[in-house]
């Protein structure tokens, strides 16, 4: 199945995907499927079928989340990404039927994107892997600040913070960056000097969007 009116944004953390999705949806009066939009289904997911996504749903002590080793964290991210893709594909069939352009901050893997979309409907957004790790807690969003507070509650906060940074490094490697960069899809690199309006203009050209 091809999604003709769906535009996908994927890539590394801290590249500006969320902001661009919101801005394009607003400009084109479309639908913004923002980061983790599939979480609306989380309450009804079966634990046996979706062990990655339900891990956080059923977690009793969030300190266990930040105490995981980099190996455990990486394995969880990989499993959860696969589960997110399943949910997204299911949800997008209904969302795409609303006769509006849809802009998606997606977890769908590159291989699947080639099957359901084409080059003009996908943008890979990339930030330096080091930025994704170093600036993770600079964001004001509630989830990241909650995790930071948990680490500060640990017996050794510095060790807890370094362990979590090692976890983040596992999923923000140069190899991951290069796979996105050379995927064949169009790439938009993070530029600190570019305004959100500039980014929208670049994306419009890449996606061949024209406002009616």
N, C-alpha and C. Protein backbone atom coordinates (compact mmCIF):
# COMPACT_ATOMS: atom_id res chain seq x y z
N UNK A 1 0.84 -1.20 0.00
CA UNK A 1 0.00 0.00 0.00
C UNK A 1 0.87 1.25 0.00
N UNK A 2 0.55 2.20 -0.87
CA UNK A 2 1.25 3.47 -0.94
C UNK A 2 0.40 4.57 -0.32
N UNK A 3 1.04 5.40 0.48
CA UNK A 3 0.34 6.53 1.10
C UNK A 3 0.65 7.80 0.31
N UNK A 4 -0.29 8.21 -0.54
CA UNK A 4 -0.04 9.31 -1.46
C UNK A 4 -0.04 10.69 -0.80
N UNK A 5 -0.83 10.87 0.24
CA UNK A 5 -0.93 12.18 0.89
C UNK A 5 -0.29 12.20 2.27
N UNK A 6 0.62 11.27 2.51
CA UNK A 6 1.31 11.20 3.79
C UNK A 6 2.79 11.53 3.58
N UNK A 7 3.31 12.41 4.44
CA UNK A 7 4.70 12.84 4.36
C UNK A 7 5.41 12.41 5.64
N UNK A 8 6.49 11.67 5.47
CA UNK A 8 7.18 11.05 6.61
C UNK A 8 8.48 11.78 6.94
N UNK A 9 8.74 11.93 8.24
CA UNK A 9 9.96 12.57 8.72
C UNK A 9 10.61 11.65 9.74
N UNK A 10 11.81 11.22 9.41
CA UNK A 10 12.53 10.33 10.30
C UNK A 10 13.98 10.79 10.38
N UNK A 11 14.78 10.09 11.19
CA UNK A 11 16.17 10.48 11.33
C UNK A 11 16.62 10.39 12.77
N UNK A 12 17.58 11.22 13.13
CA UNK A 12 18.15 11.17 14.47
C UNK A 12 17.45 12.16 15.40
N UNK A 13 17.70 11.99 16.68
CA UNK A 13 17.12 12.89 17.68
C UNK A 13 17.71 14.29 17.55
N UNK A 14 16.92 15.27 17.99
CA UNK A 14 17.35 16.67 18.04
C UNK A 14 17.57 17.28 16.66
N UNK A 15 16.92 16.72 15.65
CA UNK A 15 17.08 17.24 14.29
C UNK A 15 15.97 18.19 13.89
N UNK A 16 14.91 18.31 14.70
CA UNK A 16 13.83 19.25 14.41
C UNK A 16 12.60 18.65 13.79
N UNK A 17 12.45 17.33 13.88
CA UNK A 17 11.30 16.67 13.24
C UNK A 17 9.97 17.14 13.82
N UNK A 18 9.88 17.20 15.13
CA UNK A 18 8.60 17.55 15.77
C UNK A 18 8.14 18.95 15.37
N UNK A 19 9.07 19.89 15.38
CA UNK A 19 8.73 21.27 15.03
C UNK A 19 8.28 21.37 13.58
N UNK A 20 8.99 20.69 12.69
CA UNK A 20 8.65 20.76 11.27
C UNK A 20 7.29 20.13 11.00
N UNK A 21 7.01 19.01 11.61
CA UNK A 21 5.72 18.34 11.43
C UNK A 21 4.58 19.27 11.85
N UNK A 22 4.72 19.90 13.00
CA UNK A 22 3.67 20.82 13.48
C UNK A 22 3.51 22.01 12.55
N UNK A 23 4.61 22.58 12.11
CA UNK A 23 4.54 23.78 11.28
C UNK A 23 3.95 23.49 9.90
N UNK A 24 4.30 22.36 9.32
CA UNK A 24 3.74 22.02 8.01
C UNK A 24 2.25 21.69 8.10
N UNK A 25 1.87 20.96 9.14
CA UNK A 25 0.46 20.62 9.31
C UNK A 25 -0.38 21.88 9.49
N UNK A 26 0.16 22.83 10.23
CA UNK A 26 -0.57 24.09 10.44
C UNK A 26 -0.68 24.88 9.14
N UNK A 27 0.40 24.96 8.39
CA UNK A 27 0.40 25.75 7.16
C UNK A 27 -0.52 25.15 6.10
N UNK A 28 -0.55 23.82 6.02
CA UNK A 28 -1.32 23.16 4.97
C UNK A 28 -2.65 22.60 5.48
N UNK A 29 -3.02 23.01 6.68
CA UNK A 29 -4.29 22.57 7.28
C UNK A 29 -4.41 21.05 7.22
N UNK A 30 -3.32 20.43 7.55
CA UNK A 30 -3.28 18.98 7.53
C UNK A 30 -3.31 18.38 8.92
N UNK A 31 -2.91 17.14 9.00
CA UNK A 31 -2.92 16.39 10.26
C UNK A 31 -1.48 16.16 10.70
N UNK A 32 -1.18 16.53 11.92
CA UNK A 32 0.15 16.32 12.49
C UNK A 32 0.16 15.06 13.34
N UNK A 33 0.90 14.06 12.91
CA UNK A 33 1.11 12.86 13.72
C UNK A 33 2.46 13.05 14.41
N UNK A 34 2.41 13.61 15.60
CA UNK A 34 3.64 14.00 16.28
C UNK A 34 4.31 12.82 16.96
N UNK A 35 5.47 13.08 17.54
CA UNK A 35 6.27 12.03 18.15
C UNK A 35 5.44 11.14 19.08
N UNK A 36 5.54 9.83 18.85
CA UNK A 36 4.84 8.84 19.66
C UNK A 36 3.31 8.99 19.62
N UNK A 37 2.79 9.43 18.50
CA UNK A 37 1.34 9.60 18.37
C UNK A 37 0.59 8.29 18.57
N UNK A 38 1.27 7.19 18.35
CA UNK A 38 0.66 5.87 18.52
C UNK A 38 0.39 5.53 19.98
N UNK A 39 0.90 6.34 20.90
CA UNK A 39 0.68 6.07 22.33
C UNK A 39 -0.79 6.14 22.73
N UNK A 40 -1.62 6.68 21.85
CA UNK A 40 -3.06 6.71 22.14
C UNK A 40 -3.60 5.29 22.29
N UNK A 41 -2.92 4.32 21.68
CA UNK A 41 -3.35 2.93 21.75
C UNK A 41 -2.74 2.17 22.93
N UNK A 42 -1.82 2.80 23.62
CA UNK A 42 -1.06 2.13 24.67
C UNK A 42 -1.92 1.45 25.74
N UNK A 43 -2.98 2.08 26.22
CA UNK A 43 -3.76 1.45 27.30
C UNK A 43 -4.36 0.10 26.94
N UNK A 44 -4.58 -0.18 25.66
CA UNK A 44 -5.26 -1.41 25.28
C UNK A 44 -4.32 -2.47 24.70
N UNK A 45 -3.02 -2.19 24.68
CA UNK A 45 -2.08 -3.14 24.09
C UNK A 45 -1.89 -4.36 24.98
N UNK A 46 -1.75 -5.51 24.33
CA UNK A 46 -1.50 -6.76 25.04
C UNK A 46 -0.01 -6.88 25.36
N UNK A 47 0.30 -7.17 26.60
CA UNK A 47 1.69 -7.24 27.05
C UNK A 47 2.49 -8.30 26.31
N UNK A 48 1.88 -9.41 26.01
CA UNK A 48 2.58 -10.49 25.33
C UNK A 48 2.89 -10.13 23.88
N UNK A 49 2.02 -9.36 23.26
CA UNK A 49 2.20 -8.99 21.86
C UNK A 49 3.08 -7.76 21.69
N UNK A 50 3.05 -6.86 22.67
CA UNK A 50 3.82 -5.62 22.60
C UNK A 50 4.64 -5.44 23.88
N UNK A 51 5.63 -6.30 24.11
CA UNK A 51 6.40 -6.23 25.35
C UNK A 51 7.22 -4.96 25.50
N UNK A 52 7.67 -4.40 24.38
CA UNK A 52 8.47 -3.19 24.44
C UNK A 52 7.67 -1.98 24.86
N UNK A 53 6.55 -1.76 24.20
CA UNK A 53 5.71 -0.60 24.50
C UNK A 53 5.06 -0.70 25.88
N UNK A 54 4.67 -1.90 26.28
CA UNK A 54 3.99 -2.04 27.56
C UNK A 54 4.97 -2.07 28.74
N UNK A 55 6.26 -2.15 28.45
CA UNK A 55 7.26 -2.12 29.52
C UNK A 55 7.11 -0.85 30.36
N UNK A 56 7.05 0.30 29.70
CA UNK A 56 6.91 1.54 30.45
C UNK A 56 5.49 1.72 30.99
N UNK A 57 4.52 1.22 30.27
CA UNK A 57 3.13 1.33 30.74
C UNK A 57 2.95 0.64 32.08
N UNK A 58 3.57 -0.52 32.23
CA UNK A 58 3.37 -1.34 33.43
C UNK A 58 4.48 -1.20 34.47
N UNK A 59 5.40 -0.30 34.22
CA UNK A 59 6.55 -0.14 35.11
C UNK A 59 6.11 0.35 36.48
N UNK A 60 6.58 -0.31 37.53
CA UNK A 60 6.20 0.06 38.89
C UNK A 60 7.15 1.09 39.50
N UNK A 61 8.43 0.98 39.18
CA UNK A 61 9.43 1.90 39.71
C UNK A 61 10.27 2.42 38.55
N UNK A 62 10.11 3.70 38.21
CA UNK A 62 10.80 4.27 37.06
C UNK A 62 12.31 4.35 37.25
N UNK A 63 12.78 4.19 38.46
CA UNK A 63 14.22 4.13 38.66
C UNK A 63 14.81 2.92 37.94
N UNK A 64 14.02 1.85 37.79
CA UNK A 64 14.48 0.68 37.06
C UNK A 64 14.75 1.02 35.59
N UNK A 65 14.00 1.95 35.06
CA UNK A 65 14.16 2.37 33.67
C UNK A 65 15.54 2.97 33.44
N UNK A 66 15.97 3.84 34.33
CA UNK A 66 17.25 4.53 34.13
C UNK A 66 18.44 3.69 34.58
N UNK A 67 18.19 2.61 35.30
CA UNK A 67 19.28 1.76 35.78
C UNK A 67 19.68 0.67 34.79
N UNK A 68 18.97 0.55 33.70
CA UNK A 68 19.30 -0.48 32.72
C UNK A 68 20.67 -0.25 32.10
N UNK A 69 21.30 -1.34 31.69
CA UNK A 69 22.59 -1.24 31.03
C UNK A 69 22.39 -0.75 29.59
N UNK A 70 23.44 -0.25 28.96
CA UNK A 70 23.32 0.13 27.54
C UNK A 70 22.84 -1.02 26.66
N UNK A 71 23.27 -2.25 26.94
CA UNK A 71 22.80 -3.40 26.15
C UNK A 71 21.29 -3.58 26.29
N UNK A 72 20.80 -3.49 27.52
CA UNK A 72 19.36 -3.65 27.77
C UNK A 72 18.57 -2.52 27.12
N UNK A 73 19.09 -1.32 27.22
CA UNK A 73 18.40 -0.16 26.64
C UNK A 73 18.33 -0.27 25.12
N UNK A 74 19.42 -0.64 24.49
CA UNK A 74 19.46 -0.77 23.04
C UNK A 74 18.49 -1.85 22.57
N UNK A 75 18.47 -2.98 23.25
CA UNK A 75 17.55 -4.07 22.87
C UNK A 75 16.10 -3.63 23.00
N UNK A 76 15.80 -2.87 24.06
CA UNK A 76 14.43 -2.38 24.26
C UNK A 76 14.03 -1.40 23.15
N UNK A 77 14.94 -0.49 22.79
CA UNK A 77 14.66 0.47 21.73
C UNK A 77 14.38 -0.24 20.41
N UNK A 78 15.17 -1.24 20.08
CA UNK A 78 14.98 -1.96 18.83
C UNK A 78 13.63 -2.69 18.81
N UNK A 79 13.29 -3.33 19.91
CA UNK A 79 12.01 -4.02 19.99
C UNK A 79 10.84 -3.05 19.91
N UNK A 80 10.95 -1.96 20.64
CA UNK A 80 9.87 -0.97 20.67
C UNK A 80 9.68 -0.32 19.30
N UNK A 81 10.75 -0.05 18.59
CA UNK A 81 10.64 0.55 17.26
C UNK A 81 9.85 -0.35 16.32
N UNK A 82 10.09 -1.65 16.39
CA UNK A 82 9.33 -2.58 15.56
C UNK A 82 7.84 -2.56 15.91
N UNK A 83 7.55 -2.50 17.20
CA UNK A 83 6.16 -2.47 17.65
C UNK A 83 5.48 -1.17 17.23
N UNK A 84 6.22 -0.06 17.34
CA UNK A 84 5.67 1.24 16.93
C UNK A 84 5.33 1.23 15.45
N UNK A 85 6.18 0.63 14.65
CA UNK A 85 5.92 0.56 13.21
C UNK A 85 4.61 -0.17 12.93
N UNK A 86 4.39 -1.27 13.60
CA UNK A 86 3.14 -2.01 13.40
C UNK A 86 1.92 -1.14 13.70
N UNK A 87 1.98 -0.41 14.81
CA UNK A 87 0.86 0.44 15.19
C UNK A 87 0.68 1.60 14.22
N UNK A 88 1.78 2.19 13.80
CA UNK A 88 1.69 3.32 12.87
C UNK A 88 1.04 2.91 11.56
N UNK A 89 1.47 1.79 11.01
CA UNK A 89 0.91 1.35 9.73
C UNK A 89 -0.60 1.10 9.85
N UNK A 90 -1.00 0.57 10.98
CA UNK A 90 -2.42 0.32 11.20
C UNK A 90 -3.19 1.64 11.32
N UNK A 91 -2.64 2.59 12.07
CA UNK A 91 -3.32 3.87 12.28
C UNK A 91 -3.35 4.72 11.03
N UNK A 92 -2.28 4.68 10.25
CA UNK A 92 -2.20 5.55 9.08
C UNK A 92 -3.21 5.19 8.00
N UNK A 93 -3.61 3.95 7.94
CA UNK A 93 -4.64 3.56 6.97
C UNK A 93 -5.91 4.37 7.19
N UNK A 94 -6.27 4.57 8.46
CA UNK A 94 -7.47 5.35 8.78
C UNK A 94 -7.20 6.85 8.66
N UNK A 95 -6.08 7.30 9.18
CA UNK A 95 -5.76 8.73 9.16
C UNK A 95 -5.65 9.25 7.74
N UNK A 96 -5.03 8.47 6.86
CA UNK A 96 -4.83 8.92 5.48
C UNK A 96 -6.12 9.01 4.69
N UNK A 97 -7.18 8.43 5.21
CA UNK A 97 -8.47 8.47 4.51
C UNK A 97 -9.29 9.70 4.78
N UNK A 98 -8.71 10.70 5.47
CA UNK A 98 -9.46 11.90 5.84
C UNK A 98 -9.34 13.03 4.83
N UNK A 99 -8.73 12.74 3.68
CA UNK A 99 -8.61 13.72 2.59
C UNK A 99 -7.88 14.99 3.00
N UNK A 100 -6.89 14.83 3.84
CA UNK A 100 -6.02 15.94 4.24
C UNK A 100 -4.58 15.46 4.17
N UNK A 101 -3.65 16.39 3.92
CA UNK A 101 -2.25 15.96 3.98
C UNK A 101 -1.87 15.57 5.40
N UNK A 102 -1.08 14.54 5.54
CA UNK A 102 -0.69 14.03 6.85
C UNK A 102 0.84 14.11 6.97
N UNK A 103 1.29 14.68 8.08
CA UNK A 103 2.71 14.86 8.32
C UNK A 103 3.09 14.05 9.55
N UNK A 104 4.03 13.11 9.37
CA UNK A 104 4.27 12.09 10.39
C UNK A 104 5.71 12.09 10.90
N UNK A 105 5.87 12.27 12.19
CA UNK A 105 7.14 12.04 12.87
C UNK A 105 7.17 10.54 13.17
N UNK A 106 7.94 9.79 12.37
CA UNK A 106 7.72 8.35 12.32
C UNK A 106 8.85 7.50 12.89
N UNK A 107 8.47 6.29 13.33
CA UNK A 107 9.40 5.24 13.73
C UNK A 107 9.55 4.18 12.64
N UNK A 108 8.84 4.33 11.55
CA UNK A 108 8.85 3.33 10.49
C UNK A 108 10.24 3.24 9.89
N UNK A 109 10.73 2.02 9.72
CA UNK A 109 12.11 1.82 9.25
C UNK A 109 12.25 2.19 7.78
N UNK A 110 13.48 2.40 7.35
CA UNK A 110 13.75 2.84 5.99
C UNK A 110 13.25 1.85 4.95
N UNK A 111 13.46 0.57 5.21
CA UNK A 111 13.03 -0.45 4.25
C UNK A 111 11.52 -0.40 4.01
N UNK A 112 10.77 -0.23 5.09
CA UNK A 112 9.31 -0.15 4.96
C UNK A 112 8.89 1.14 4.27
N UNK A 113 9.58 2.23 4.56
CA UNK A 113 9.24 3.51 3.92
C UNK A 113 9.36 3.43 2.41
N UNK A 114 10.35 2.70 1.92
CA UNK A 114 10.47 2.55 0.48
C UNK A 114 9.29 1.78 -0.10
N UNK A 115 8.67 0.92 0.69
CA UNK A 115 7.53 0.13 0.21
C UNK A 115 6.23 0.92 0.24
N UNK A 116 6.07 1.81 1.20
CA UNK A 116 4.79 2.49 1.38
C UNK A 116 4.79 3.93 0.89
N UNK A 117 5.96 4.44 0.53
CA UNK A 117 6.05 5.83 0.11
C UNK A 117 7.04 5.95 -1.04
N UNK A 118 7.44 7.18 -1.35
CA UNK A 118 8.46 7.37 -2.37
C UNK A 118 9.37 8.51 -1.93
N UNK A 119 10.38 8.80 -2.72
CA UNK A 119 11.41 9.75 -2.34
C UNK A 119 10.87 11.15 -2.07
N UNK A 120 9.83 11.54 -2.79
CA UNK A 120 9.29 12.89 -2.64
C UNK A 120 8.39 13.05 -1.42
N UNK A 121 8.17 11.96 -0.69
CA UNK A 121 7.30 12.04 0.48
C UNK A 121 8.02 11.72 1.79
N UNK A 122 9.33 11.66 1.73
CA UNK A 122 10.12 11.32 2.92
C UNK A 122 11.28 12.30 3.06
N UNK A 123 11.50 12.79 4.27
CA UNK A 123 12.68 13.59 4.58
C UNK A 123 13.40 12.97 5.76
N UNK A 124 14.70 12.72 5.57
CA UNK A 124 15.56 12.27 6.66
C UNK A 124 16.15 13.50 7.32
N UNK A 125 15.91 13.67 8.61
CA UNK A 125 16.41 14.83 9.33
C UNK A 125 17.51 14.37 10.30
N UNK A 126 18.68 15.00 10.17
CA UNK A 126 19.84 14.53 10.92
C UNK A 126 20.51 15.63 11.74
N UNK A 127 20.87 15.26 12.95
CA UNK A 127 21.72 16.10 13.80
C UNK A 127 22.96 15.30 14.14
N UNK A 128 24.04 15.97 14.44
CA UNK A 128 25.26 15.29 14.84
C UNK A 128 24.94 14.33 15.99
N UNK A 129 25.40 13.07 15.91
CA UNK A 129 25.09 12.10 16.98
C UNK A 129 25.46 12.60 18.37
N UNK A 130 26.52 13.37 18.48
CA UNK A 130 26.95 13.88 19.79
C UNK A 130 25.91 14.84 20.37
N UNK A 131 25.26 15.61 19.50
CA UNK A 131 24.24 16.56 19.96
C UNK A 131 23.08 15.81 20.60
N UNK A 132 22.68 14.72 19.99
CA UNK A 132 21.54 13.94 20.49
C UNK A 132 21.78 13.45 21.91
N UNK A 133 23.03 13.19 22.24
CA UNK A 133 23.38 12.70 23.57
C UNK A 133 23.61 13.86 24.53
N UNK A 134 24.40 14.83 24.12
CA UNK A 134 24.79 15.93 25.00
C UNK A 134 23.62 16.84 25.38
N UNK A 135 22.68 17.02 24.46
CA UNK A 135 21.60 17.97 24.69
C UNK A 135 20.27 17.31 25.07
N UNK A 136 20.30 16.03 25.32
CA UNK A 136 19.07 15.30 25.59
C UNK A 136 18.24 15.95 26.70
N UNK A 137 18.89 16.36 27.77
CA UNK A 137 18.17 16.93 28.91
C UNK A 137 18.01 18.44 28.83
N UNK A 138 18.43 19.04 27.72
CA UNK A 138 18.24 20.48 27.54
C UNK A 138 16.82 20.82 27.13
N UNK A 139 16.11 19.83 26.64
CA UNK A 139 14.74 20.07 26.19
C UNK A 139 13.81 20.23 27.39
N UNK A 140 12.84 21.11 27.28
CA UNK A 140 11.94 21.35 28.41
C UNK A 140 10.81 20.34 28.55
N UNK A 141 10.69 19.40 27.59
CA UNK A 141 9.53 18.52 27.65
C UNK A 141 9.54 17.66 28.92
N UNK A 142 8.35 17.36 29.37
CA UNK A 142 8.14 16.74 30.67
C UNK A 142 8.83 15.40 30.84
N UNK A 143 8.81 14.56 29.80
CA UNK A 143 9.40 13.23 29.89
C UNK A 143 10.89 13.29 30.22
N UNK A 144 11.61 14.14 29.50
CA UNK A 144 13.06 14.20 29.69
C UNK A 144 13.42 14.80 31.04
N UNK A 145 12.68 15.78 31.48
CA UNK A 145 12.96 16.38 32.78
C UNK A 145 12.60 15.42 33.91
N UNK A 146 11.60 14.59 33.69
CA UNK A 146 11.24 13.56 34.67
C UNK A 146 12.38 12.56 34.83
N UNK A 147 12.94 12.11 33.71
CA UNK A 147 14.07 11.17 33.78
C UNK A 147 15.28 11.81 34.46
N UNK A 148 15.51 13.06 34.17
CA UNK A 148 16.65 13.75 34.79
C UNK A 148 16.48 13.81 36.31
N UNK A 149 15.27 14.10 36.76
CA UNK A 149 15.01 14.15 38.21
C UNK A 149 15.25 12.79 38.85
N UNK A 150 14.85 11.72 38.16
CA UNK A 150 15.09 10.38 38.68
C UNK A 150 16.59 10.12 38.89
N UNK A 151 17.37 10.54 37.94
CA UNK A 151 18.82 10.33 38.05
C UNK A 151 19.42 11.12 39.20
N UNK A 152 18.89 12.30 39.42
CA UNK A 152 19.40 13.12 40.52
C UNK A 152 19.01 12.53 41.88
N UNK A 153 18.02 11.64 41.89
CA UNK A 153 17.60 10.97 43.13
C UNK A 153 18.44 9.73 43.45
N UNK A 154 19.25 9.28 42.49
CA UNK A 154 20.06 8.08 42.70
C UNK A 154 21.16 8.34 43.73
N UNK A 155 21.67 7.26 44.31
CA UNK A 155 22.75 7.37 45.30
C UNK A 155 23.97 8.05 44.68
N UNK A 156 24.25 7.72 43.42
CA UNK A 156 25.36 8.35 42.69
C UNK A 156 24.81 8.97 41.42
N UNK A 157 24.31 10.21 41.50
CA UNK A 157 23.69 10.85 40.34
C UNK A 157 24.62 10.95 39.13
N UNK A 158 25.90 11.21 39.36
CA UNK A 158 26.83 11.34 38.25
C UNK A 158 26.95 10.03 37.48
N UNK A 159 27.01 8.91 38.22
CA UNK A 159 27.08 7.60 37.58
C UNK A 159 25.79 7.31 36.81
N UNK A 160 24.65 7.63 37.40
CA UNK A 160 23.36 7.39 36.75
C UNK A 160 23.26 8.18 35.45
N UNK A 161 23.72 9.42 35.48
CA UNK A 161 23.66 10.27 34.29
C UNK A 161 24.59 9.75 33.21
N UNK A 162 25.79 9.34 33.59
CA UNK A 162 26.74 8.82 32.61
C UNK A 162 26.24 7.50 32.02
N UNK A 163 25.64 6.64 32.83
CA UNK A 163 25.10 5.38 32.33
C UNK A 163 24.01 5.64 31.29
N UNK A 164 23.14 6.61 31.58
CA UNK A 164 22.06 6.89 30.64
C UNK A 164 22.61 7.51 29.36
N UNK A 165 23.64 8.33 29.48
CA UNK A 165 24.26 8.88 28.27
C UNK A 165 24.88 7.78 27.42
N UNK A 166 25.43 6.76 28.07
CA UNK A 166 25.95 5.62 27.34
C UNK A 166 24.83 4.87 26.62
N UNK A 167 23.67 4.80 27.26
CA UNK A 167 22.50 4.18 26.62
C UNK A 167 22.10 4.96 25.37
N UNK A 168 22.06 6.28 25.49
CA UNK A 168 21.71 7.12 24.36
C UNK A 168 22.73 7.01 23.23
N UNK A 169 24.00 6.88 23.62
CA UNK A 169 25.05 6.76 22.61
C UNK A 169 24.88 5.50 21.76
N UNK A 170 24.33 4.45 22.36
CA UNK A 170 24.13 3.19 21.64
C UNK A 170 23.16 3.33 20.47
N UNK A 171 22.20 4.24 20.61
CA UNK A 171 21.19 4.38 19.55
C UNK A 171 21.41 5.62 18.70
N UNK A 172 22.50 6.34 18.99
CA UNK A 172 22.84 7.54 18.21
C UNK A 172 24.29 7.43 17.73
N UNK A 173 24.61 6.32 17.10
CA UNK A 173 25.97 6.05 16.67
C UNK A 173 26.24 6.64 15.29
N UNK A 174 27.51 6.82 14.93
CA UNK A 174 27.83 7.25 13.56
C UNK A 174 27.30 6.28 12.51
N UNK A 175 27.24 5.00 12.84
CA UNK A 175 26.72 4.01 11.88
C UNK A 175 25.24 4.24 11.59
N UNK A 176 24.48 4.55 12.64
CA UNK A 176 23.06 4.86 12.45
C UNK A 176 22.91 6.12 11.60
N UNK A 177 23.70 7.12 11.91
CA UNK A 177 23.70 8.39 11.16
C UNK A 177 23.98 8.12 9.67
N UNK A 178 25.02 7.33 9.40
CA UNK A 178 25.42 7.06 8.02
C UNK A 178 24.35 6.27 7.27
N UNK A 179 23.67 5.36 7.96
CA UNK A 179 22.61 4.59 7.31
C UNK A 179 21.49 5.51 6.85
N UNK A 180 21.13 6.48 7.68
CA UNK A 180 20.13 7.47 7.29
C UNK A 180 20.65 8.35 6.14
N UNK A 181 21.88 8.80 6.29
CA UNK A 181 22.46 9.73 5.32
C UNK A 181 22.51 9.14 3.92
N UNK A 182 22.79 7.83 3.84
CA UNK A 182 22.96 7.17 2.54
C UNK A 182 21.78 6.28 2.19
N UNK A 183 20.62 6.59 2.73
CA UNK A 183 19.43 5.76 2.52
C UNK A 183 18.84 5.91 1.12
N UNK A 184 19.15 7.00 0.45
CA UNK A 184 18.54 7.27 -0.85
C UNK A 184 17.41 8.28 -0.76
N UNK A 185 16.92 8.53 0.45
CA UNK A 185 15.91 9.56 0.64
C UNK A 185 16.58 10.93 0.76
N UNK A 186 15.78 11.98 0.62
CA UNK A 186 16.29 13.34 0.76
C UNK A 186 16.66 13.60 2.22
N UNK A 187 17.73 14.36 2.41
CA UNK A 187 18.27 14.60 3.74
C UNK A 187 18.28 16.08 4.07
N UNK A 188 17.87 16.40 5.28
CA UNK A 188 17.89 17.78 5.77
C UNK A 188 18.73 17.80 7.05
N UNK A 189 19.88 18.44 6.99
CA UNK A 189 20.79 18.48 8.13
C UNK A 189 20.42 19.62 9.08
N UNK A 190 20.61 19.38 10.36
CA UNK A 190 20.35 20.42 11.36
C UNK A 190 21.30 21.58 11.15
N UNK A 191 20.76 22.78 11.17
CA UNK A 191 21.55 24.00 11.02
C UNK A 191 21.10 24.98 12.09
N UNK A 192 21.99 25.28 13.03
CA UNK A 192 21.66 26.15 14.16
C UNK A 192 21.26 27.56 13.70
N UNK A 193 21.71 27.96 12.51
CA UNK A 193 21.45 29.32 12.03
C UNK A 193 20.18 29.42 11.20
N UNK A 194 19.52 28.30 10.97
CA UNK A 194 18.32 28.30 10.15
C UNK A 194 17.09 28.50 11.02
N UNK A 195 16.17 29.34 10.60
CA UNK A 195 14.94 29.58 11.34
C UNK A 195 13.93 28.48 11.03
N UNK A 196 12.91 28.31 11.89
CA UNK A 196 11.85 27.34 11.58
C UNK A 196 11.18 27.62 10.24
N UNK A 197 11.04 28.91 9.91
CA UNK A 197 10.43 29.28 8.62
C UNK A 197 11.32 28.84 7.46
N UNK A 198 12.62 28.99 7.62
CA UNK A 198 13.56 28.53 6.59
C UNK A 198 13.45 27.01 6.39
N UNK A 199 13.32 26.31 7.49
CA UNK A 199 13.22 24.84 7.42
C UNK A 199 11.95 24.43 6.70
N UNK A 200 10.85 25.11 6.99
CA UNK A 200 9.59 24.83 6.29
C UNK A 200 9.76 25.05 4.79
N UNK A 201 10.40 26.14 4.41
CA UNK A 201 10.59 26.45 2.99
C UNK A 201 11.43 25.38 2.30
N UNK A 202 12.47 24.92 2.96
CA UNK A 202 13.30 23.86 2.38
C UNK A 202 12.50 22.56 2.23
N UNK A 203 11.74 22.23 3.25
CA UNK A 203 10.93 21.01 3.21
C UNK A 203 9.89 21.07 2.10
N UNK A 204 9.29 22.24 1.91
CA UNK A 204 8.29 22.39 0.85
C UNK A 204 8.89 22.08 -0.52
N UNK A 205 10.10 22.54 -0.76
CA UNK A 205 10.75 22.27 -2.04
C UNK A 205 11.07 20.79 -2.19
N UNK A 206 11.55 20.19 -1.12
CA UNK A 206 11.92 18.78 -1.17
C UNK A 206 10.70 17.89 -1.38
N UNK A 207 9.58 18.26 -0.76
CA UNK A 207 8.36 17.46 -0.85
C UNK A 207 7.44 17.90 -1.98
N UNK A 208 7.85 18.95 -2.68
CA UNK A 208 7.07 19.52 -3.80
C UNK A 208 5.67 19.92 -3.34
N UNK A 209 5.63 20.57 -2.18
CA UNK A 209 4.36 21.03 -1.63
C UNK A 209 4.02 22.41 -2.17
N UNK A 210 2.77 22.60 -2.50
CA UNK A 210 2.31 23.92 -2.95
C UNK A 210 1.00 24.23 -2.26
N UNK A 211 0.95 25.38 -1.64
CA UNK A 211 -0.27 25.77 -0.92
C UNK A 211 -1.31 26.25 -1.92
N UNK A 212 -2.53 25.73 -1.78
CA UNK A 212 -3.61 26.09 -2.70
C UNK A 212 -4.03 27.53 -2.50
